[in-house]
C-alpha atoms as a PDB file:
ATOM      1  CA  MET A   1     -36.490-140.800-284.565  1.00  0.00           C
ATOM      2  CA  ARG A   2     -36.808-144.556-284.634  1.00  0.00           C
ATOM      3  CA  VAL A   3     -38.055-146.544-288.102  1.00  0.00           C
ATOM      4  CA  LEU A   4     -39.207-150.403-287.334  1.00  0.00           C
ATOM      5  CA  VAL A   5     -39.181-151.825-290.784  1.00  0.00           C
ATOM      6  CA  VAL A   6     -41.371-155.756-290.372  1.00  0.00           C
ATOM      7  CA  TRP A   7     -41.435-157.443-293.574  1.00  0.00           C
ATOM      8  CA  GLU A   8     -43.845-160.937-292.883  1.00  0.00           C
ATOM      9  CA  PRO A   9     -44.600-163.230-295.181  1.00  0.00           C
ATOM     10  CA  ILE A  10     -48.324-162.650-296.333  1.00  0.00           C
ATOM     11  CA  LEU A  11     -48.368-163.268-300.267  1.00  0.00           C
ATOM     12  CA  PRO A  12     -47.869-166.449-301.844  1.00  0.00           C
ATOM     13  CA  THR A  13     -44.447-165.579-302.839  1.00  0.00           C
ATOM     14  CA  ASP A  14     -43.639-164.826-299.285  1.00  0.00           C
ATOM     15  CA  TRP A  15     -41.899-167.385-298.771  1.00  0.00           C
ATOM     16  CA  ARG A  16     -38.714-165.940-297.430  1.00  0.00           C
ATOM     17  CA  PRO A  17     -37.034-163.021-296.116  1.00  0.00           C
ATOM     18  CA  PRO A  18     -36.884-160.018-297.931  1.00  0.00           C
ATOM     19  CA  SER A  19     -33.730-159.939-300.736  1.00  0.00           C
ATOM     20  CA  GLY A  20     -31.376-157.031-301.472  1.00  0.00           C
ATOM     21  CA  SER A  21     -33.675-155.592-303.827  1.00  0.00           C
ATOM     22  CA  ALA A  22     -36.615-155.182-301.226  1.00  0.00           C
ATOM     23  CA  LEU A  23     -34.263-154.016-298.062  1.00  0.00           C
ATOM     24  CA  ALA A  24     -32.734-151.696-300.478  1.00  0.00           C
ATOM     25  CA  ARG A  25     -36.555-149.493-300.747  1.00  0.00           C
ATOM     26  CA  ILE A  26     -35.913-148.122-297.175  1.00  0.00           C
ATOM     27  CA  PRO A  27     -32.400-147.224-297.315  1.00  0.00           C
ATOM     28  CA  ASP A  28     -32.376-145.270-294.476  1.00  0.00           C
ATOM     29  CA  PRO A  29     -29.680-145.586-291.813  1.00  0.00           C
ATOM     30  CA  ARG A  30     -32.023-144.810-289.172  1.00  0.00           C
ATOM     31  CA  ALA A  31     -34.395-147.696-290.659  1.00  0.00           C
ATOM     32  CA  ARG A  32     -33.828-151.242-288.752  1.00  0.00           C
ATOM     33  CA  GLN A  33     -35.344-154.251-291.095  1.00  0.00           C
ATOM     34  CA  PHE A  34     -36.469-157.631-289.461  1.00  0.00           C
ATOM     35  CA  TRP A  35     -38.042-160.413-290.850  1.00  0.00           C
ATOM     36  CA  ASP A  36     -40.890-162.185-288.836  1.00  0.00           C
ATOM     37  CA  PRO A  37     -41.860-165.448-290.424  1.00  0.00           C
ATOM     38  CA  THR A  38     -44.935-166.327-287.879  1.00  0.00           C
ATOM     39  CA  HIS A  39     -46.190-162.800-287.628  1.00  0.00           C
ATOM     40  CA  LEU A  40     -45.267-161.901-283.983  1.00  0.00           C
ATOM     41  CA  VAL A  41     -45.428-158.299-284.447  1.00  0.00           C
ATOM     42  CA  ALA A  42     -48.678-158.513-286.362  1.00  0.00           C
ATOM     43  CA  GLN A  43     -49.731-160.874-283.447  1.00  0.00           C
ATOM     44  CA  ALA A  44     -48.915-157.925-280.969  1.00  0.00           C
ATOM     45  CA  LEU A  45     -50.456-155.178-283.091  1.00  0.00           C
ATOM     46  CA  ARG A  46     -53.538-157.100-283.007  1.00  0.00           C
ATOM     47  CA  GLU A  47     -53.783-157.317-279.255  1.00  0.00           C
ATOM     48  CA  ALA A  48     -52.922-153.771-279.197  1.00  0.00           C
ATOM     49  CA  ALA A  49     -55.890-152.909-281.178  1.00  0.00           C
ATOM     50  CA  LYS A  50     -58.472-154.706-279.428  1.00  0.00           C
ATOM     51  CA  GLN A  51     -57.300-153.720-275.858  1.00  0.00           C
ATOM     52  CA  ASN A  52     -56.680-149.568-276.738  1.00  0.00           C
ATOM     53  CA  PRO A  53     -60.608-148.012-277.173  1.00  0.00           C
ATOM     54  CA  HIS A  54     -58.773-145.200-278.473  1.00  0.00           C
ATOM     55  CA  GLN A  55     -56.651-146.817-281.172  1.00  0.00           C
ATOM     56  CA  PRO A  56     -57.199-145.387-284.670  1.00  0.00           C
ATOM     57  CA  ARG A  57     -59.224-147.642-286.970  1.00  0.00           C
ATOM     58  CA  LEU A  58     -57.648-148.974-289.832  1.00  0.00           C
ATOM     59  CA  ASP A  59     -59.824-148.469-293.374  1.00  0.00           C
ATOM     60  CA  CYS A  60     -57.289-151.715-294.361  1.00  0.00           C
ATOM     61  CA  CYS A  61     -54.721-153.648-295.101  1.00  0.00           C
ATOM     62  CA  THR A  62     -55.916-157.187-292.932  1.00  0.00           C
ATOM     63  CA  GLN A  63     -54.825-160.889-294.501  1.00  0.00           C
ATOM     64  CA  LYS A  64     -54.935-164.450-293.281  1.00  0.00           C
ATOM     65  CA  GLY A  65     -55.868-162.236-289.687  1.00  0.00           C
ATOM     66  CA  PHE A  66     -52.626-160.071-289.579  1.00  0.00           C
ATOM     67  CA  TYR A  67     -51.543-156.375-290.134  1.00  0.00           C
ATOM     68  CA  TRP A  68     -49.562-155.365-293.119  1.00  0.00           C
ATOM     69  CA  ASP A  69     -48.884-152.603-295.374  1.00  0.00           C
ATOM     70  CA  ASP A  70     -49.914-150.494-292.368  1.00  0.00           C
ATOM     71  CA  ALA A  71     -47.411-147.044-291.260  1.00  0.00           C
ATOM     72  CA  ILE A  72     -47.829-146.797-287.213  1.00  0.00           C
ATOM     73  CA  LEU A  73     -46.449-143.872-285.455  1.00  0.00           C
ATOM     74  CA  TYR A  74     -46.368-143.528-281.717  1.00  0.00           C
ATOM     75  CA  ALA A  75     -45.907-140.162-279.828  1.00  0.00           C
ATOM     76  CA  PRO A  76     -41.992-140.004-278.142  1.00  0.00           C
ATOM     77  CA  ARG A  77     -41.149-142.169-275.634  1.00  0.00           C
ATOM     78  CA  GLN A  78     -44.069-145.050-276.131  1.00  0.00           C
ATOM     79  CA  ARG A  79     -42.974-148.019-274.861  1.00  0.00           C
ATOM     80  CA  TRP A  80     -44.695-151.617-276.094  1.00  0.00           C
ATOM     81  CA  GLU A  81     -44.845-152.809-272.024  1.00  0.00           C
ATOM     82  CA  ASP A  82     -47.087-149.645-272.205  1.00  0.00           C
ATOM     83  CA  GLU A  83     -49.196-150.504-274.900  1.00  0.00           C
ATOM     84  CA  PRO A  84     -50.127-147.566-276.219  1.00  0.00           C
ATOM     85  CA  ALA A  85     -52.401-145.894-278.814  1.00  0.00           C
ATOM     86  CA  SER A  86     -50.533-144.550-281.787  1.00  0.00           C
ATOM     87  CA  ALA A  87     -51.085-141.215-282.909  1.00  0.00           C
ATOM     88  CA  PHE A  88     -51.180-142.508-286.244  1.00  0.00           C
ATOM     89  CA  TRP A  89     -52.111-145.953-287.939  1.00  0.00           C
ATOM     90  CA  ASN A  90     -53.140-146.776-291.349  1.00  0.00           C
ATOM     91  CA  GLY A  91     -51.857-148.041-295.158  1.00  0.00           C
ATOM     92  CA  PRO A  92     -51.559-148.847-297.751  1.00  0.00           C
ATOM     93  CA  VAL A  93     -47.582-147.553-297.337  1.00  0.00           C
ATOM     94  CA  TYR A  94     -47.925-146.089-300.717  1.00  0.00           C
ATOM     95  CA  ARG A  95     -51.563-144.359-300.009  1.00  0.00           C
ATOM     96  CA  ILE A  96     -51.261-142.547-296.833  1.00  0.00           C
ATOM     97  CA  ILE A  97     -47.737-140.869-296.498  1.00  0.00           C
ATOM     98  CA  PRO A  98     -49.316-137.304-297.006  1.00  0.00           C
ATOM     99  CA  ASN A  99     -51.460-138.050-294.184  1.00  0.00           C
ATOM    100  CA  LEU A 100     -48.138-139.725-292.109  1.00  0.00           C
ATOM    101  CA  GLU A 101     -45.639-136.819-292.267  1.00  0.00           C
ATOM    102  CA  LYS A 102     -48.925-134.673-291.253  1.00  0.00           C
ATOM    103  CA  SER A 103     -49.006-136.720-288.468  1.00  0.00           C
ATOM    104  CA  PHE A 104     -45.119-136.482-287.645  1.00  0.00           C
ATOM    105  CA  THR A 105     -45.196-132.854-286.798  1.00  0.00           C
ATOM    106  CA  GLY A 106     -44.088-133.520-283.346  1.00  0.00           C
ATOM    107  CA  GLN A 107     -43.633-136.625-282.689  1.00  0.00           C
ATOM    108  CA  THR A 108     -40.350-138.862-283.021  1.00  0.00           C
ATOM    109  CA  ASN A 109     -40.961-142.723-282.965  1.00  0.00           C
ATOM    110  CA  VAL A 110     -42.320-144.562-286.524  1.00  0.00           C
ATOM    111  CA  LEU A 111     -42.990-147.766-286.630  1.00  0.00           C
ATOM    112  CA  ILE A 112     -43.663-149.018-290.144  1.00  0.00           C
ATOM    113  CA  SER A 113     -44.596-152.692-291.829  1.00  0.00           C
ATOM    114  CA  PRO A 114     -44.700-152.603-295.535  1.00  0.00           C
ATOM    115  CA  SER A 115     -45.551-155.610-297.103  1.00  0.00           C
ATOM    116  CA  GLN A 116     -42.854-157.148-299.308  1.00  0.00           C
ATOM    117  CA  ARG A 117     -44.096-156.897-302.992  1.00  0.00           C
END
């Protein structure tokens, strides 16, 4: 399993990378956390969602035209260059954990993009 956590500036207080206390919210050693100040990942997600009609539609979580505070689950061996449809994509993270866990059964790669709060 791989977990990528992408922090990006969305809220007015998000003018710098997350602090150690924010990063500590995700203590799992399998998680890799990144600061994306120019929203490169969010832009790639928006394009992938546009180009893939089978992509699950989100209930929430766009601001300034960017996806944020979402959990995204991909099937094993999916690659970004393949523009795969996700097995699960929704948010906000704190509300969708039970549904994400249900979708996780049998899957091994997950991308999580939480908001910085």
